[in-house]
Amino acid sequence: MTHELDALGLLCPLPVLKARKRLQGLASGEVLILHTDDPAAVVDVPHFCAEAGHDLEGHEEAGKAIIWTIRKG
């Protein structure tokens, strides 16, 4: 199952904190699509995924936003 989280307009560390909270409620293997526009997210999101054991399946740029695909570990 895929879930979405809009973190547009939020600055570090809020996008990662909100992603962590949302992922806690998901079952292993479920996917979170995270929308960010904080420049720090390019470092924060991959680091968070690596530390928390989630799979960062990819990201794409959409204008000033970055759309992340995270699979819960």
PDB file of N, CA and C in Angstrom:
ATOM      1  N   MET A   1       0.839  -1.178   0.000  1.00  0.00           N
ATOM      2  CA  MET A   1       0.000   0.000   0.000  1.00  0.00           C
ATOM      3  C   MET A   1       0.888   1.246   0.000  1.00  0.00           C
ATOM      4  N   THR A   2       0.447   2.283  -0.680  1.00  0.00           N
ATOM      5  CA  THR A   2       1.213   3.513  -0.789  1.00  0.00           C
ATOM      6  C   THR A   2       0.510   4.638  -0.036  1.00  0.00           C
ATOM      7  N   HIS A   3       1.290   5.413   0.697  1.00  0.00           N
ATOM      8  CA  HIS A   3       0.784   6.541   1.477  1.00  0.00           C
ATOM      9  C   HIS A   3       1.533   7.795   1.033  1.00  0.00           C
ATOM     10  N   GLU A   4       0.913   8.962   1.170  1.00  0.00           N
ATOM     11  CA  GLU A   4       1.568  10.215   0.789  1.00  0.00           C
ATOM     12  C   GLU A   4       1.642  11.149   1.972  1.00  0.00           C
ATOM     13  N   LEU A   5       2.731  11.939   2.003  1.00  0.00           N
ATOM     14  CA  LEU A   5       2.918  12.950   3.037  1.00  0.00           C
ATOM     15  C   LEU A   5       3.412  14.226   2.371  1.00  0.00           C
ATOM     16  N   ASP A   6       2.652  15.295   2.529  1.00  0.00           N
ATOM     17  CA  ASP A   6       3.009  16.597   1.972  1.00  0.00           C
ATOM     18  C   ASP A   6       3.764  17.375   3.037  1.00  0.00           C
ATOM     19  N   ALA A   7       5.076  17.541   2.849  1.00  0.00           N
ATOM     20  CA  ALA A   7       5.899  18.314   3.775  1.00  0.00           C
ATOM     21  C   ALA A   7       6.395  19.591   3.098  1.00  0.00           C
ATOM     22  N   LEU A   8       5.690  20.028   2.069  1.00  0.00           N
ATOM     23  CA  LEU A   8       6.069  21.254   1.371  1.00  0.00           C
ATOM     24  C   LEU A   8       5.924  22.441   2.317  1.00  0.00           C
ATOM     25  N   GLY A   9       6.907  23.327   2.280  1.00  0.00           N
ATOM     26  CA  GLY A   9       6.882  24.514   3.130  1.00  0.00           C
ATOM     27  C   GLY A   9       7.471  24.288   4.510  1.00  0.00           C
ATOM     28  N   LEU A  10       7.792  23.047   4.845  1.00  0.00           N
ATOM     29  CA  LEU A  10       8.380  22.753   6.150  1.00  0.00           C
ATOM     30  C   LEU A  10       9.903  22.720   6.044  1.00  0.00           C
ATOM     31  N   LEU A  11      10.564  23.251   7.064  1.00  0.00           N
ATOM     32  CA  LEU A  11      12.028  23.287   7.072  1.00  0.00           C
ATOM     33  C   LEU A  11      12.576  22.252   8.044  1.00  0.00           C
ATOM     34  N   CYS A  12      13.826  21.900   7.823  1.00  0.00           N
ATOM     35  CA  CYS A  12      14.561  20.946   8.642  1.00  0.00           C
ATOM     36  C   CYS A  12      14.371  21.290  10.119  1.00  0.00           C
ATOM     37  N   PRO A  13      14.082  20.332  10.938  1.00  0.00           N
ATOM     38  CA  PRO A  13      14.006  18.888  10.721  1.00  0.00           C
ATOM     39  C   PRO A  13      12.577  18.372  10.507  1.00  0.00           C
ATOM     40  N   LEU A  14      11.614  19.252  10.319  1.00  0.00           N
ATOM     41  CA  LEU A  14      10.211  18.833  10.277  1.00  0.00           C
ATOM     42  C   LEU A  14       9.863  17.798   9.203  1.00  0.00           C
ATOM     43  N   PRO A  15      10.361  17.904   7.963  1.00  0.00           N
ATOM     44  CA  PRO A  15       9.996  16.863   6.980  1.00  0.00           C
ATOM     45  C   PRO A  15      10.381  15.455   7.436  1.00  0.00           C
ATOM     46  N   VAL A  16      11.569  15.319   8.000  1.00  0.00           N
ATOM     47  CA  VAL A  16      12.023  13.998   8.453  1.00  0.00           C
ATOM     48  C   VAL A  16      11.249  13.556   9.691  1.00  0.00           C
ATOM     49  N   LEU A  17      10.979  14.474  10.607  1.00  0.00           N
ATOM     50  CA  LEU A  17      10.221  14.114  11.806  1.00  0.00           C
ATOM     51  C   LEU A  17       8.814  13.648  11.455  1.00  0.00           C
ATOM     52  N   LYS A  18       8.172  14.333  10.520  1.00  0.00           N
ATOM     53  CA  LYS A  18       6.831  13.936  10.096  1.00  0.00           C
ATOM     54  C   LYS A  18       6.873  12.603   9.342  1.00  0.00           C
ATOM     55  N   ALA A  19       7.910  12.398   8.528  1.00  0.00           N
ATOM     56  CA  ALA A  19       8.060  11.122   7.821  1.00  0.00           C
ATOM     57  C   ALA A  19       8.254   9.987   8.824  1.00  0.00           C
ATOM     58  N   ARG A  20       9.075  10.207   9.827  1.00  0.00           N
ATOM     59  CA  ARG A  20       9.310   9.174  10.845  1.00  0.00           C
ATOM     60  C   ARG A  20       7.994   8.800  11.534  1.00  0.00           C
ATOM     61  N   LYS A  21       7.218   9.810  11.908  1.00  0.00           N
ATOM     62  CA  LYS A  21       5.945   9.549  12.588  1.00  0.00           C
ATOM     63  C   LYS A  21       4.989   8.770  11.682  1.00  0.00           C
ATOM     64  N   ARG A  22       4.910   9.162  10.414  1.00  0.00           N
ATOM     65  CA  ARG A  22       3.999   8.476   9.484  1.00  0.00           C
ATOM     66  C   ARG A  22       4.455   7.037   9.261  1.00  0.00           C
ATOM     67  N   LEU A  23       5.769   6.829   9.096  1.00  0.00           N
ATOM     68  CA  LEU A  23       6.293   5.483   8.844  1.00  0.00           C
ATOM     69  C   LEU A  23       6.071   4.555  10.041  1.00  0.00           C
ATOM     70  N   GLN A  24       6.041   5.090  11.245  1.00  0.00           N
ATOM     71  CA  GLN A  24       5.825   4.256  12.431  1.00  0.00           C
ATOM     72  C   GLN A  24       4.479   3.534  12.360  1.00  0.00           C
ATOM     73  N   GLY A  25       3.499   4.180  11.722  1.00  0.00           N
ATOM     74  CA  GLY A  25       2.178   3.585  11.629  1.00  0.00           C
ATOM     75  C   GLY A  25       1.987   2.642  10.457  1.00  0.00           C
ATOM     76  N   LEU A  26       3.018   2.484   9.626  1.00  0.00           N
ATOM     77  CA  LEU A  26       2.908   1.628   8.448  1.00  0.00           C
ATOM     78  C   LEU A  26       3.479   0.241   8.722  1.00  0.00           C
ATOM     79  N   ALA A  27       3.007  -0.720   7.973  1.00  0.00           N
ATOM     80  CA  ALA A  27       3.553  -2.070   8.059  1.00  0.00           C
ATOM     81  C   ALA A  27       4.835  -2.148   7.232  1.00  0.00           C
ATOM     82  N   SER A  28       5.701  -3.062   7.597  1.00  0.00           N
ATOM     83  CA  SER A  28       6.937  -3.270   6.853  1.00  0.00           C
ATOM     84  C   SER A  28       6.616  -3.546   5.390  1.00  0.00           C
ATOM     85  N   GLY A  29       7.324  -2.879   4.489  1.00  0.00           N
ATOM     86  CA  GLY A  29       7.120  -3.070   3.060  1.00  0.00           C
ATOM     87  C   GLY A  29       6.191  -2.045   2.431  1.00  0.00           C
ATOM     88  N   GLU A  30       5.416  -1.316   3.253  1.00  0.00           N
ATOM     89  CA  GLU A  30       4.549  -0.278   2.695  1.00  0.00           C
ATOM     90  C   GLU A  30       5.391   0.917   2.256  1.00  0.00           C
ATOM     91  N   VAL A  31       4.837   1.713   1.342  1.00  0.00           N
ATOM     92  CA  VAL A  31       5.585   2.800   0.719  1.00  0.00           C
ATOM     93  C   VAL A  31       5.018   4.152   1.148  1.00  0.00           C
ATOM     94  N   LEU A  32       5.934   5.083   1.427  1.00  0.00           N
ATOM     95  CA  LEU A  32       5.572   6.469   1.718  1.00  0.00           C
ATOM     96  C   LEU A  32       6.139   7.352   0.616  1.00  0.00           C
ATOM     97  N   ILE A  33       5.268   8.142   0.009  1.00  0.00           N
ATOM     98  CA  ILE A  33       5.694   9.149  -0.961  1.00  0.00           C
ATOM     99  C   ILE A  33       5.759  10.469  -0.196  1.00  0.00           C
ATOM    100  N   LEU A  34       6.955  11.033  -0.089  1.00  0.00           N
ATOM    101  CA  LEU A  34       7.193  12.242   0.691  1.00  0.00           C
ATOM    102  C   LEU A  34       7.504  13.407  -0.247  1.00  0.00           C
ATOM    103  N   HIS A  35       6.754  14.495  -0.111  1.00  0.00           N
ATOM    104  CA  HIS A  35       6.962  15.699  -0.918  1.00  0.00           C
ATOM    105  C   HIS A  35       7.660  16.740  -0.058  1.00  0.00           C
ATOM    106  N   THR A  36       8.839  17.207  -0.494  1.00  0.00           N
ATOM    107  CA  THR A  36       9.586  18.225   0.251  1.00  0.00           C
ATOM    108  C   THR A  36      10.031  19.339  -0.682  1.00  0.00           C
ATOM    109  N   ASP A  37      10.300  20.500  -0.095  1.00  0.00           N
ATOM    110  CA  ASP A  37      10.941  21.572  -0.858  1.00  0.00           C
ATOM    111  C   ASP A  37      12.027  22.260  -0.029  1.00  0.00           C
ATOM    112  N   ASP A  38      12.391  21.646   1.082  1.00  0.00           N
ATOM    113  CA  ASP A  38      13.477  22.149   1.918  1.00  0.00           C
ATOM    114  C   ASP A  38      14.803  21.715   1.300  1.00  0.00           C
ATOM    115  N   PRO A  39      15.706  22.655   1.010  1.00  0.00           N
ATOM    116  CA  PRO A  39      16.997  22.276   0.413  1.00  0.00           C
ATOM    117  C   PRO A  39      17.780  21.258   1.258  1.00  0.00           C
ATOM    118  N   ALA A  40      17.605  21.276   2.560  1.00  0.00           N
ATOM    119  CA  ALA A  40      18.331  20.349   3.434  1.00  0.00           C
ATOM    120  C   ALA A  40      17.828  18.911   3.286  1.00  0.00           C
ATOM    121  N   ALA A  41      16.662  18.715   2.694  1.00  0.00           N
ATOM    122  CA  ALA A  41      16.099  17.372   2.548  1.00  0.00           C
ATOM    123  C   ALA A  41      16.992  16.470   1.697  1.00  0.00           C
ATOM    124  N   VAL A  42      17.783  17.054   0.806  1.00  0.00           N
ATOM    125  CA  VAL A  42      18.657  16.247  -0.054  1.00  0.00           C
ATOM    126  C   VAL A  42      19.670  15.468   0.789  1.00  0.00           C
ATOM    127  N   VAL A  43      20.030  16.003   1.928  1.00  0.00           N
ATOM    128  CA  VAL A  43      20.931  15.318   2.844  1.00  0.00           C
ATOM    129  C   VAL A  43      20.130  14.570   3.911  1.00  0.00           C
ATOM    130  N   ASP A  44      19.110  15.217   4.443  1.00  0.00           N
ATOM    131  CA  ASP A  44      18.364  14.678   5.584  1.00  0.00           C
ATOM    132  C   ASP A  44      17.602  13.392   5.274  1.00  0.00           C
ATOM    133  N   VAL A  45      16.898  13.345   4.167  1.00  0.00           N
ATOM    134  CA  VAL A  45      16.053  12.184   3.871  1.00  0.00           C
ATOM    135  C   VAL A  45      16.885  10.920   3.647  1.00  0.00           C
ATOM    136  N   PRO A  46      17.931  10.959   2.797  1.00  0.00           N
ATOM    137  CA  PRO A  46      18.755   9.742   2.647  1.00  0.00           C
ATOM    138  C   PRO A  46      19.404   9.305   3.961  1.00  0.00           C
ATOM    139  N   HIS A  47      19.865  10.269   4.759  1.00  0.00           N
ATOM    140  CA  HIS A  47      20.492   9.940   6.039  1.00  0.00           C
ATOM    141  C   HIS A  47      19.477   9.292   6.980  1.00  0.00           C
ATOM    142  N   PHE A  48      18.279   9.859   7.056  1.00  0.00           N
ATOM    143  CA  PHE A  48      17.220   9.295   7.897  1.00  0.00           C
ATOM    144  C   PHE A  48      16.909   7.858   7.481  1.00  0.00           C
ATOM    145  N   CYS A  49      16.749   7.623   6.194  1.00  0.00           N
ATOM    146  CA  CYS A  49      16.422   6.277   5.711  1.00  0.00           C
ATOM    147  C   CYS A  49      17.516   5.284   6.073  1.00  0.00           C
ATOM    148  N   ALA A  50      18.758   5.675   5.873  1.00  0.00           N
ATOM    149  CA  ALA A  50      19.883   4.792   6.190  1.00  0.00           C
ATOM    150  C   ALA A  50      19.928   4.479   7.682  1.00  0.00           C
ATOM    151  N   GLU A  51      19.728   5.477   8.514  1.00  0.00           N
ATOM    152  CA  GLU A  51      19.797   5.291   9.966  1.00  0.00           C
ATOM    153  C   GLU A  51      18.611   4.474  10.491  1.00  0.00           C
ATOM    154  N   ALA A  52      17.432   4.669   9.906  1.00  0.00           N
ATOM    155  CA  ALA A  52      16.219   4.020  10.409  1.00  0.00           C
ATOM    156  C   ALA A  52      15.969   2.652   9.775  1.00  0.00           C
ATOM    157  N   GLY A  53      16.747   2.291   8.749  1.00  0.00           N
ATOM    158  CA  GLY A  53      16.589   0.991   8.124  1.00  0.00           C
ATOM    159  C   GLY A  53      15.497   0.921   7.072  1.00  0.00           C
ATOM    160  N   HIS A  54      15.122   2.078   6.512  1.00  0.00           N
ATOM    161  CA  HIS A  54      14.129   2.114   5.446  1.00  0.00           C
ATOM    162  C   HIS A  54      14.850   2.150   4.097  1.00  0.00           C
ATOM    163  N   ASP A  55      14.183   1.671   3.048  1.00  0.00           N
ATOM    164  CA  ASP A  55      14.766   1.684   1.710  1.00  0.00           C
ATOM    165  C   ASP A  55      14.346   2.948   0.983  1.00  0.00           C
ATOM    166  N   LEU A  56      15.314   3.752   0.591  1.00  0.00           N
ATOM    167  CA  LEU A  56      15.044   4.929  -0.232  1.00  0.00           C
ATOM    168  C   LEU A  56      15.061   4.434  -1.676  1.00  0.00           C
ATOM    169  N   GLU A  57      13.864   4.270  -2.234  1.00  0.00           N
ATOM    170  CA  GLU A  57      13.754   3.670  -3.560  1.00  0.00           C
ATOM    171  C   GLU A  57      14.019   4.657  -4.675  1.00  0.00           C
ATOM    172  N   GLY A  58      14.009   5.944  -4.364  1.00  0.00           N
ATOM    173  CA  GLY A  58      14.312   6.926  -5.382  1.00  0.00           C
ATOM    174  C   GLY A  58      13.697   8.267  -5.066  1.00  0.00           C
ATOM    175  N   HIS A  59      13.998   9.218  -5.930  1.00  0.00           N
ATOM    176  CA  HIS A  59      13.426  10.551  -5.800  1.00  0.00           C
ATOM    177  C   HIS A  59      13.391  11.196  -7.174  1.00  0.00           C
ATOM    178  N   GLU A  60      12.517  12.177  -7.314  1.00  0.00           N
ATOM    179  CA  GLU A  60      12.456  12.920  -8.564  1.00  0.00           C
ATOM    180  C   GLU A  60      12.180  14.379  -8.243  1.00  0.00           C
ATOM    181  N   GLU A  61      12.710  15.233  -9.079  1.00  0.00           N
ATOM    182  CA  GLU A  61      12.480  16.660  -8.901  1.00  0.00           C
ATOM    183  C   GLU A  61      11.242  17.064  -9.673  1.00  0.00           C
ATOM    184  N   ALA A  62      10.437  17.905  -9.039  1.00  0.00           N
ATOM    185  CA  ALA A  62       9.221  18.430  -9.657  1.00  0.00           C
ATOM    186  C   ALA A  62       9.202  19.929  -9.378  1.00  0.00           C
ATOM    187  N   GLY A  63       9.864  20.698 -10.249  1.00  0.00           N
ATOM    188  CA  GLY A  63      10.019  22.126  -9.981  1.00  0.00           C
ATOM    189  C   GLY A  63      10.968  22.302  -8.813  1.00  0.00           C
ATOM    190  N   LYS A  64      10.527  23.023  -7.783  1.00  0.00           N
ATOM    191  CA  LYS A  64      11.355  23.228  -6.594  1.00  0.00           C
ATOM    192  C   LYS A  64      11.186  22.105  -5.579  1.00  0.00           C
ATOM    193  N   ALA A  65      10.242  21.234  -5.831  1.00  0.00           N
ATOM    194  CA  ALA A  65       9.965  20.135  -4.893  1.00  0.00           C
ATOM    195  C   ALA A  65      10.752  18.882  -5.265  1.00  0.00           C
ATOM    196  N   ILE A  66      10.958  18.042  -4.266  1.00  0.00           N
ATOM    197  CA  ILE A  66      11.532  16.715  -4.485  1.00  0.00           C
ATOM    198  C   ILE A  66      10.528  15.713  -3.933  1.00  0.00           C
ATOM    199  N   ILE A  67      10.243  14.694  -4.734  1.00  0.00           N
ATOM    200  CA  ILE A  67       9.296  13.652  -4.344  1.00  0.00           C
ATOM    201  C   ILE A  67      10.118  12.387  -4.076  1.00  0.00           C
ATOM    202  N   TRP A  68      10.074  11.933  -2.829  1.00  0.00           N
ATOM    203  CA  TRP A  68      10.851  10.794  -2.358  1.00  0.00           C
ATOM    204  C   TRP A  68       9.968   9.565  -2.264  1.00  0.00           C
ATOM    205  N   THR A  69      10.511   8.410  -2.608  1.00  0.00           N
ATOM    206  CA  THR A  69       9.800   7.136  -2.444  1.00  0.00           C
ATOM    207  C   THR A  69      10.567   6.317  -1.406  1.00  0.00           C
ATOM    208  N   ILE A  70       9.908   6.084  -0.266  1.00  0.00           N
ATOM    209  CA  ILE A  70      10.533   5.394   0.857  1.00  0.00           C
ATOM    210  C   ILE A  70       9.720   4.130   1.176  1.00  0.00           C
ATOM    211  N   ARG A  71      10.396   2.990   1.209  1.00  0.00           N
ATOM    212  CA  ARG A  71       9.740   1.741   1.600  1.00  0.00           C
ATOM    213  C   ARG A  71      10.146   1.414   3.036  1.00  0.00           C
ATOM    214  N   LYS A  72       9.150   1.215   3.878  1.00  0.00           N
ATOM    215  CA  LYS A  72       9.436   0.942   5.283  1.00  0.00           C
ATOM    216  C   LYS A  72      10.185  -0.376   5.432  1.00  0.00           C
ATOM    217  N   GLY A  73      11.265  -0.330   6.209  1.00  0.00           N
ATOM    218  CA  GLY A  73      12.095  -1.514   6.449  1.00  0.00           C
ATOM    219  C   GLY A  73      11.512  -2.411   7.498  1.00  0.00           C
TER     220      GLY A  73
END
